[in-house]
PDB file of all heavy atoms in Angstrom:
ATOM      1  N   PHE A   1     -33.161 -43.596 -51.866  1.00  0.00           N
ATOM      2  CA  PHE A   1     -33.684 -42.875 -53.018  1.00  0.00           C
ATOM      3  C   PHE A   1     -34.016 -41.428 -52.666  1.00  0.00           C
ATOM      4  O   PHE A   1     -34.711 -40.754 -53.496  1.00  0.00           O
ATOM      5  CB  PHE A   1     -34.887 -43.574 -53.615  1.00  0.00           C
ATOM      6  CG  PHE A   1     -34.520 -44.932 -54.280  1.00  0.00           C
ATOM      7  CD1 PHE A   1     -34.937 -46.103 -53.780  1.00  0.00           C
ATOM      8  CD2 PHE A   1     -33.726 -44.846 -55.457  1.00  0.00           C
ATOM      9  CE1 PHE A   1     -34.617 -47.307 -54.429  1.00  0.00           C
ATOM     10  CE2 PHE A   1     -33.387 -45.996 -56.139  1.00  0.00           C
ATOM     11  CZ  PHE A   1     -33.833 -47.253 -55.602  1.00  0.00           C
ATOM     12  N   ILE A   2     -33.619 -40.951 -51.541  1.00  0.00           N
ATOM     13  CA  ILE A   2     -33.937 -39.602 -51.133  1.00  0.00           C
ATOM     14  C   ILE A   2     -33.331 -38.577 -52.091  1.00  0.00           C
ATOM     15  O   ILE A   2     -33.747 -37.409 -52.168  1.00  0.00           O
ATOM     16  CB  ILE A   2     -33.463 -39.293 -49.662  1.00  0.00           C
ATOM     17  CG1 ILE A   2     -34.070 -37.992 -49.120  1.00  0.00           C
ATOM     18  CG2 ILE A   2     -31.962 -39.213 -49.648  1.00  0.00           C
ATOM     19  CD1 ILE A   2     -35.542 -38.114 -48.952  1.00  0.00           C
ATOM     20  N   PHE A   3     -32.330 -39.004 -52.898  1.00  0.00           N
ATOM     21  CA  PHE A   3     -31.769 -38.050 -53.846  1.00  0.00           C
ATOM     22  C   PHE A   3     -32.705 -37.583 -54.920  1.00  0.00           C
ATOM     23  O   PHE A   3     -32.506 -36.572 -55.471  1.00  0.00           O
ATOM     24  CB  PHE A   3     -30.545 -38.794 -54.591  1.00  0.00           C
ATOM     25  CG  PHE A   3     -30.892 -39.960 -55.498  1.00  0.00           C
ATOM     26  CD1 PHE A   3     -31.408 -39.727 -56.823  1.00  0.00           C
ATOM     27  CD2 PHE A   3     -30.734 -41.260 -55.035  1.00  0.00           C
ATOM     28  CE1 PHE A   3     -31.698 -40.755 -57.622  1.00  0.00           C
ATOM     29  CE2 PHE A   3     -31.115 -42.317 -55.896  1.00  0.00           C
ATOM     30  CZ  PHE A   3     -31.535 -42.081 -57.133  1.00  0.00           C
ATOM     31  N   LEU A   4     -33.888 -38.266 -55.091  1.00  0.00           N
ATOM     32  CA  LEU A   4     -34.815 -37.872 -56.023  1.00  0.00           C
ATOM     33  C   LEU A   4     -35.399 -36.589 -55.591  1.00  0.00           C
ATOM     34  O   LEU A   4     -35.803 -35.738 -56.440  1.00  0.00           O
ATOM     35  CB  LEU A   4     -35.934 -38.946 -56.129  1.00  0.00           C
ATOM     36  CG  LEU A   4     -35.539 -40.251 -56.916  1.00  0.00           C
ATOM     37  CD1 LEU A   4     -36.560 -41.328 -56.616  1.00  0.00           C
ATOM     38  CD2 LEU A   4     -35.457 -39.944 -58.377  1.00  0.00           C
ATOM     39  N   ALA A   5     -35.563 -36.335 -54.318  1.00  0.00           N
ATOM     40  CA  ALA A   5     -36.045 -35.020 -53.770  1.00  0.00           C
ATOM     41  C   ALA A   5     -34.941 -34.000 -53.835  1.00  0.00           C
ATOM     42  O   ALA A   5     -35.072 -32.896 -54.297  1.00  0.00           O
ATOM     43  CB  ALA A   5     -36.574 -35.190 -52.354  1.00  0.00           C
ATOM     44  N   TYR A   6     -33.756 -34.319 -53.230  1.00  0.00           N
ATOM     45  CA  TYR A   6     -32.702 -33.400 -53.177  1.00  0.00           C
ATOM     46  C   TYR A   6     -32.164 -32.963 -54.514  1.00  0.00           C
ATOM     47  O   TYR A   6     -31.950 -31.752 -54.760  1.00  0.00           O
ATOM     48  CB  TYR A   6     -31.521 -33.982 -52.299  1.00  0.00           C
ATOM     49  CG  TYR A   6     -31.821 -34.263 -50.908  1.00  0.00           C
ATOM     50  CD1 TYR A   6     -30.983 -34.901 -50.082  1.00  0.00           C
ATOM     51  CD2 TYR A   6     -33.024 -33.644 -50.286  1.00  0.00           C
ATOM     52  CE1 TYR A   6     -31.204 -35.053 -48.675  1.00  0.00           C
ATOM     53  CE2 TYR A   6     -33.266 -33.841 -48.960  1.00  0.00           C
ATOM     54  CZ  TYR A   6     -32.428 -34.502 -48.222  1.00  0.00           C
ATOM     55  OH  TYR A   6     -32.746 -34.744 -46.825  1.00  0.00           O
ATOM     56  N   GLY A   7     -31.943 -33.908 -55.394  1.00  0.00           N
ATOM     57  CA  GLY A   7     -31.353 -33.551 -56.735  1.00  0.00           C
ATOM     58  C   GLY A   7     -32.377 -32.733 -57.580  1.00  0.00           C
ATOM     59  O   GLY A   7     -31.937 -31.745 -58.186  1.00  0.00           O
ATOM     60  N   THR A   8     -33.656 -33.034 -57.473  1.00  0.00           N
ATOM     61  CA  THR A   8     -34.656 -32.304 -58.263  1.00  0.00           C
ATOM     62  C   THR A   8     -34.769 -30.856 -57.639  1.00  0.00           C
ATOM     63  O   THR A   8     -34.900 -29.899 -58.425  1.00  0.00           O
ATOM     64  CB  THR A   8     -35.961 -32.955 -58.182  1.00  0.00           C
ATOM     65  OG1 THR A   8     -35.891 -34.323 -58.579  1.00  0.00           O
ATOM     66  CG2 THR A   8     -37.003 -32.242 -59.034  1.00  0.00           C
ATOM     67  N   THR A   9     -34.697 -30.757 -56.281  1.00  0.00           N
ATOM     68  CA  THR A   9     -34.793 -29.355 -55.751  1.00  0.00           C
ATOM     69  C   THR A   9     -33.675 -28.412 -56.336  1.00  0.00           C
ATOM     70  O   THR A   9     -34.011 -27.326 -56.740  1.00  0.00           O
ATOM     71  CB  THR A   9     -34.574 -29.389 -54.188  1.00  0.00           C
ATOM     72  OG1 THR A   9     -35.648 -30.189 -53.619  1.00  0.00           O
ATOM     73  CG2 THR A   9     -34.622 -28.074 -53.577  1.00  0.00           C
ATOM     74  N   GLY A  10     -32.456 -28.916 -56.353  1.00  0.00           N
ATOM     75  CA  GLY A  10     -31.403 -28.003 -56.844  1.00  0.00           C
ATOM     76  C   GLY A  10     -31.534 -27.660 -58.344  1.00  0.00           C
ATOM     77  O   GLY A  10     -31.312 -26.509 -58.781  1.00  0.00           O
ATOM     78  N   ALA A  11     -31.855 -28.686 -59.126  1.00  0.00           N
ATOM     79  CA  ALA A  11     -31.940 -28.507 -60.561  1.00  0.00           C
ATOM     80  C   ALA A  11     -33.173 -27.576 -60.919  1.00  0.00           C
ATOM     81  O   ALA A  11     -33.013 -26.683 -61.788  1.00  0.00           O
ATOM     82  CB  ALA A  11     -32.163 -29.844 -61.318  1.00  0.00           C
ATOM     83  N   VAL A  12     -34.271 -27.786 -60.245  1.00  0.00           N
ATOM     84  CA  VAL A  12     -35.421 -26.929 -60.454  1.00  0.00           C
ATOM     85  C   VAL A  12     -35.180 -25.455 -59.967  1.00  0.00           C
ATOM     86  O   VAL A  12     -35.505 -24.556 -60.591  1.00  0.00           O
ATOM     87  CB  VAL A  12     -36.698 -27.468 -59.831  1.00  0.00           C
ATOM     88  CG1 VAL A  12     -37.816 -26.555 -59.738  1.00  0.00           C
ATOM     89  CG2 VAL A  12     -37.085 -28.786 -60.536  1.00  0.00           C
ATOM     90  N   GLY A  13     -34.461 -25.372 -58.720  1.00  0.00           N
ATOM     91  CA  GLY A  13     -34.209 -24.101 -58.217  1.00  0.00           C
ATOM     92  C   GLY A  13     -33.342 -23.209 -59.081  1.00  0.00           C
ATOM     93  O   GLY A  13     -33.613 -21.995 -59.238  1.00  0.00           O
ATOM     94  N   ARG A  14     -32.374 -23.821 -59.726  1.00  0.00           N
ATOM     95  CA  ARG A  14     -31.579 -23.052 -60.637  1.00  0.00           C
ATOM     96  C   ARG A  14     -32.333 -22.487 -61.813  1.00  0.00           C
ATOM     97  O   ARG A  14     -32.199 -21.271 -62.146  1.00  0.00           O
ATOM     98  CB  ARG A  14     -30.364 -23.889 -61.193  1.00  0.00           C
ATOM     99  CG  ARG A  14     -29.170 -24.081 -60.187  1.00  0.00           C
ATOM    100  CD  ARG A  14     -28.138 -24.835 -60.792  1.00  0.00           C
ATOM    101  NE  ARG A  14     -26.919 -24.887 -59.935  1.00  0.00           N
ATOM    102  CZ  ARG A  14     -25.946 -24.025 -59.965  1.00  0.00           C
ATOM    103  NH1 ARG A  14     -25.922 -23.082 -60.845  1.00  0.00           N
ATOM    104  NH2 ARG A  14     -24.898 -24.107 -59.152  1.00  0.00           N
ATOM    105  N   ARG A  15     -33.251 -23.280 -62.409  1.00  0.00           N
ATOM    106  CA  ARG A  15     -33.986 -22.788 -63.512  1.00  0.00           C
ATOM    107  C   ARG A  15     -35.049 -21.775 -63.085  1.00  0.00           C
ATOM    108  O   ARG A  15     -35.332 -20.780 -63.766  1.00  0.00           O
ATOM    109  CB  ARG A  15     -34.673 -23.956 -64.195  1.00  0.00           C
ATOM    110  CG  ARG A  15     -33.666 -24.793 -65.088  1.00  0.00           C
ATOM    111  CD  ARG A  15     -34.221 -26.149 -65.415  1.00  0.00           C
ATOM    112  NE  ARG A  15     -33.297 -26.903 -66.196  1.00  0.00           N
ATOM    113  CZ  ARG A  15     -32.175 -27.531 -65.724  1.00  0.00           C
ATOM    114  NH1 ARG A  15     -31.961 -27.358 -64.441  1.00  0.00           N
ATOM    115  NH2 ARG A  15     -31.306 -28.125 -66.488  1.00  0.00           N
ATOM    116  N   THR A  16     -35.560 -21.920 -61.827  1.00  0.00           N
ATOM    117  CA  THR A  16     -36.464 -20.935 -61.330  1.00  0.00           C
ATOM    118  C   THR A  16     -35.754 -19.584 -61.145  1.00  0.00           C
ATOM    119  O   THR A  16     -36.305 -18.578 -61.489  1.00  0.00           O
ATOM    120  CB  THR A  16     -37.055 -21.433 -59.943  1.00  0.00           C
ATOM    121  OG1 THR A  16     -37.756 -22.681 -60.157  1.00  0.00           O
ATOM    122  CG2 THR A  16     -38.004 -20.384 -59.386  1.00  0.00           C
ATOM    123  N   GLY A  17     -34.606 -19.644 -60.582  1.00  0.00           N
ATOM    124  CA  GLY A  17     -33.858 -18.422 -60.461  1.00  0.00           C
ATOM    125  C   GLY A  17     -33.460 -17.736 -61.701  1.00  0.00           C
ATOM    126  O   GLY A  17     -33.263 -16.508 -61.863  1.00  0.00           O
ATOM    127  N   ALA A  18     -33.238 -18.653 -62.763  1.00  0.00           N
ATOM    128  CA  ALA A  18     -32.894 -18.095 -64.076  1.00  0.00           C
ATOM    129  C   ALA A  18     -34.082 -17.563 -64.811  1.00  0.00           C
ATOM    130  O   ALA A  18     -33.918 -17.159 -65.986  1.00  0.00           O
ATOM    131  CB  ALA A  18     -32.252 -19.214 -64.893  1.00  0.00           C
ATOM    132  N   GLY A  19     -35.265 -17.628 -64.241  1.00  0.00           N
ATOM    133  CA  GLY A  19     -36.444 -17.110 -64.929  1.00  0.00           C
ATOM    134  C   GLY A  19     -36.946 -18.037 -66.038  1.00  0.00           C
ATOM    135  O   GLY A  19     -37.445 -17.602 -67.037  1.00  0.00           O
ATOM    136  N   ASP A  20     -36.762 -19.341 -65.733  1.00  0.00           N
ATOM    137  CA  ASP A  20     -37.114 -20.383 -66.841  1.00  0.00           C
ATOM    138  C   ASP A  20     -38.125 -21.367 -66.150  1.00  0.00           C
ATOM    139  O   ASP A  20     -37.754 -22.496 -65.899  1.00  0.00           O
ATOM    140  CB  ASP A  20     -35.861 -21.050 -67.333  1.00  0.00           C
ATOM    141  CG  ASP A  20     -36.174 -22.154 -68.396  1.00  0.00           C
ATOM    142  OD1 ASP A  20     -37.272 -22.077 -68.930  1.00  0.00           O
ATOM    143  OD2 ASP A  20     -35.285 -22.968 -68.625  1.00  0.00           O
ATOM    144  N   PRO A  21     -39.317 -20.990 -65.864  1.00  0.00           N
ATOM    145  CA  PRO A  21     -40.306 -21.862 -65.311  1.00  0.00           C
ATOM    146  C   PRO A  21     -40.612 -23.067 -66.131  1.00  0.00           C
ATOM    147  O   PRO A  21     -40.838 -24.165 -65.668  1.00  0.00           O
ATOM    148  CB  PRO A  21     -41.524 -20.993 -65.028  1.00  0.00           C
ATOM    149  CG  PRO A  21     -41.363 -19.856 -66.048  1.00  0.00           C
ATOM    150  CD  PRO A  21     -39.894 -19.635 -66.114  1.00  0.00           C
ATOM    151  N   ARG A  22     -40.569 -22.870 -67.477  1.00  0.00           N
ATOM    152  CA  ARG A  22     -40.813 -23.947 -68.399  1.00  0.00           C
ATOM    153  C   ARG A  22     -39.706 -25.036 -68.246  1.00  0.00           C
ATOM    154  O   ARG A  22     -40.002 -26.253 -68.168  1.00  0.00           O
ATOM    155  CB  ARG A  22     -40.869 -23.508 -69.826  1.00  0.00           C
ATOM    156  CG  ARG A  22     -41.090 -24.606 -70.883  1.00  0.00           C
ATOM    157  CD  ARG A  22     -41.183 -23.977 -72.322  1.00  0.00           C
ATOM    158  NE  ARG A  22     -41.398 -25.066 -73.309  1.00  0.00           N
ATOM    159  CZ  ARG A  22     -40.484 -25.743 -73.854  1.00  0.00           C
ATOM    160  NH1 ARG A  22     -39.199 -25.467 -73.539  1.00  0.00           N
ATOM    161  NH2 ARG A  22     -40.716 -26.631 -74.724  1.00  0.00           N
ATOM    162  N   GLY A  23     -38.412 -24.579 -68.183  1.00  0.00           N
ATOM    163  CA  GLY A  23     -37.328 -25.552 -67.996  1.00  0.00           C
ATOM    164  C   GLY A  23     -37.464 -26.250 -66.629  1.00  0.00           C
ATOM    165  O   GLY A  23     -37.101 -27.421 -66.506  1.00  0.00           O
ATOM    166  N   ALA A  24     -37.904 -25.485 -65.591  1.00  0.00           N
ATOM    167  CA  ALA A  24     -38.066 -26.128 -64.305  1.00  0.00           C
ATOM    168  C   ALA A  24     -39.107 -27.183 -64.384  1.00  0.00           C
ATOM    169  O   ALA A  24     -38.925 -28.337 -63.764  1.00  0.00           O
ATOM    170  CB  ALA A  24     -38.447 -25.000 -63.285  1.00  0.00           C
ATOM    171  N   ALA A  25     -40.194 -26.931 -65.003  1.00  0.00           N
ATOM    172  CA  ALA A  25     -41.261 -28.004 -65.125  1.00  0.00           C
ATOM    173  C   ALA A  25     -40.790 -29.188 -65.972  1.00  0.00           C
ATOM    174  O   ALA A  25     -41.109 -30.290 -65.668  1.00  0.00           O
ATOM    175  CB  ALA A  25     -42.463 -27.334 -65.775  1.00  0.00           C
ATOM    176  N   HIS A  26     -39.981 -28.902 -66.936  1.00  0.00           N
ATOM    177  CA  HIS A  26     -39.476 -30.003 -67.795  1.00  0.00           C
ATOM    178  C   HIS A  26     -38.535 -30.913 -66.931  1.00  0.00           C
ATOM    179  O   HIS A  26     -38.645 -32.149 -67.011  1.00  0.00           O
ATOM    180  CB  HIS A  26     -38.658 -29.415 -68.943  1.00  0.00           C
ATOM    181  CG  HIS A  26     -38.131 -30.511 -69.899  1.00  0.00           C
ATOM    182  ND1 HIS A  26     -38.973 -31.345 -70.571  1.00  0.00           N
ATOM    183  CD2 HIS A  26     -36.870 -30.853 -70.245  1.00  0.00           C
ATOM    184  CE1 HIS A  26     -38.239 -32.191 -71.340  1.00  0.00           C
ATOM    185  NE2 HIS A  26     -36.976 -31.798 -71.154  1.00  0.00           N
ATOM    186  N   VAL A  27     -37.652 -30.297 -66.108  1.00  0.00           N
ATOM    187  CA  VAL A  27     -36.876 -31.114 -65.216  1.00  0.00           C
ATOM    188  C   VAL A  27     -37.650 -31.936 -64.248  1.00  0.00           C
ATOM    189  O   VAL A  27     -37.404 -33.042 -63.970  1.00  0.00           O
ATOM    190  CB  VAL A  27     -35.832 -30.179 -64.438  1.00  0.00           C
ATOM    191  CG1 VAL A  27     -35.130 -30.958 -63.309  1.00  0.00           C
ATOM    192  CG2 VAL A  27     -34.807 -29.596 -65.389  1.00  0.00           C
TER     193      VAL A  27
END
């Protein structure tokens, strides 16, 4: 289940880079 950390990192990182902290928190 380590994918829970790895998958969330990438998805949140993209939204962080896009300037969407709300979307990052939602993910």
